[in-house]
Amino acid sequence: MEFTSRLRLEAAIERSRQEYSNVLLNHLFEDIDSGLEQNMVKKCPEKQKCTSAFTALLQQNAGLITKNRVDDKSISDNQKN
């Protein structure tokens, strides 16, 4: 019975973590769009190209919150990008 209770608790915690991560991730994606729009140079011929590149990089970084654990290599690779 104790084992079953622990499994239920762990499952509930995991569901909560996933739901919270999804809400946070959606919020971060919205912030990426609005933040880039507000802070990038307005009259640049390369603006769309840069916006796409920065959006992809920032979304990749934000996506790390969905992982249970982030290894040093992922962080290092993202810093290089």
Protein backbone atom coordinates (compact mmCIF):
# COMPACT_ATOMS: atom_id res chain seq x y z
CA MET A 1 0.00 0.00 0.00
CA GLU A 2 2.88 2.35 0.81
CA PHE A 3 4.45 1.62 -2.58
CA THR A 4 1.19 2.40 -4.38
CA SER A 5 0.79 5.64 -2.46
CA ARG A 6 4.34 6.66 -3.35
CA LEU A 7 3.73 5.89 -7.04
CA ARG A 8 0.57 8.01 -7.01
CA LEU A 9 2.39 10.86 -5.32
CA GLU A 10 5.27 10.69 -7.79
CA ALA A 11 2.83 10.61 -10.72
CA ALA A 12 0.97 13.63 -9.34
CA ILE A 13 4.22 15.53 -8.86
CA GLU A 14 5.32 14.69 -12.40
CA ARG A 15 1.99 15.86 -13.86
CA SER A 16 2.24 19.09 -11.89
CA ARG A 17 5.81 19.61 -13.08
CA GLN A 18 4.81 19.04 -16.70
CA GLU A 19 1.81 21.37 -16.48
CA TYR A 20 3.86 24.09 -14.80
CA SER A 21 6.65 23.66 -17.36
CA ASN A 22 4.19 23.98 -20.24
CA VAL A 23 2.64 27.14 -18.80
CA LEU A 24 6.06 28.64 -18.19
CA LEU A 25 7.28 27.63 -21.65
CA ASN A 26 4.27 29.24 -23.34
CA HIS A 27 4.87 32.42 -21.36
CA LEU A 28 8.56 32.42 -22.33
CA PHE A 29 7.69 31.97 -26.02
CA GLU A 30 5.37 34.97 -25.85
CA ASP A 31 8.10 36.99 -24.12
CA ILE A 32 10.59 36.02 -26.80
CA ASP A 33 8.38 37.44 -29.55
CA SER A 34 7.52 40.65 -27.74
CA GLY A 35 11.04 41.14 -26.37
CA LEU A 36 12.67 40.79 -29.74
CA GLU A 37 10.12 43.11 -31.34
CA GLN A 38 10.75 45.79 -28.73
CA ASN A 39 14.52 45.53 -28.52
CA MET A 40 15.81 44.84 -32.01
CA VAL A 41 16.85 47.52 -34.46
CA LYS A 42 13.72 48.66 -36.27
CA LYS A 43 15.09 49.60 -39.69
CA CYS A 44 17.49 46.85 -40.61
CA PRO A 45 17.41 44.88 -43.88
CA GLU A 46 18.47 41.75 -41.97
CA LYS A 47 15.91 42.13 -39.19
CA GLN A 48 13.74 39.18 -40.25
CA LYS A 49 16.75 36.89 -40.60
CA CYS A 50 18.12 37.90 -37.19
CA THR A 51 14.70 37.65 -35.56
CA SER A 52 14.32 34.09 -36.84
CA ALA A 53 17.80 33.12 -35.63
CA PHE A 54 17.35 34.66 -32.18
CA THR A 55 13.85 33.21 -31.83
CA ALA A 56 15.12 29.70 -32.58
CA LEU A 57 18.00 30.04 -30.14
CA LEU A 58 15.87 31.48 -27.34
CA GLN A 59 13.16 28.84 -27.84
CA GLN A 60 15.81 26.13 -27.69
CA ASN A 61 17.10 27.58 -24.42
CA ALA A 62 13.58 27.90 -23.02
CA GLY A 63 12.88 24.29 -23.98
CA LEU A 64 15.50 23.15 -21.50
CA ILE A 65 13.01 23.70 -18.68
CA THR A 66 11.02 20.68 -19.85
CA LYS A 67 13.94 18.35 -19.13
CA ASN A 68 14.37 16.69 -15.77
CA ARG A 69 18.07 17.38 -15.93
CA VAL A 70 20.20 19.60 -18.15
CA ASP A 71 23.74 18.44 -18.72
CA ASP A 72 26.78 20.67 -18.98
CA LYS A 73 27.22 19.91 -22.67
CA SER A 74 23.76 21.28 -23.53
CA ILE A 75 24.49 24.47 -21.61
CA SER A 76 27.93 24.81 -23.21
CA ASP A 77 26.53 24.23 -26.71
CA ASN A 78 23.81 26.84 -26.17
CA GLN A 79 26.36 29.36 -24.90
CA LYS A 80 28.47 28.83 -28.03
CA ASN A 81 25.45 29.40 -30.26
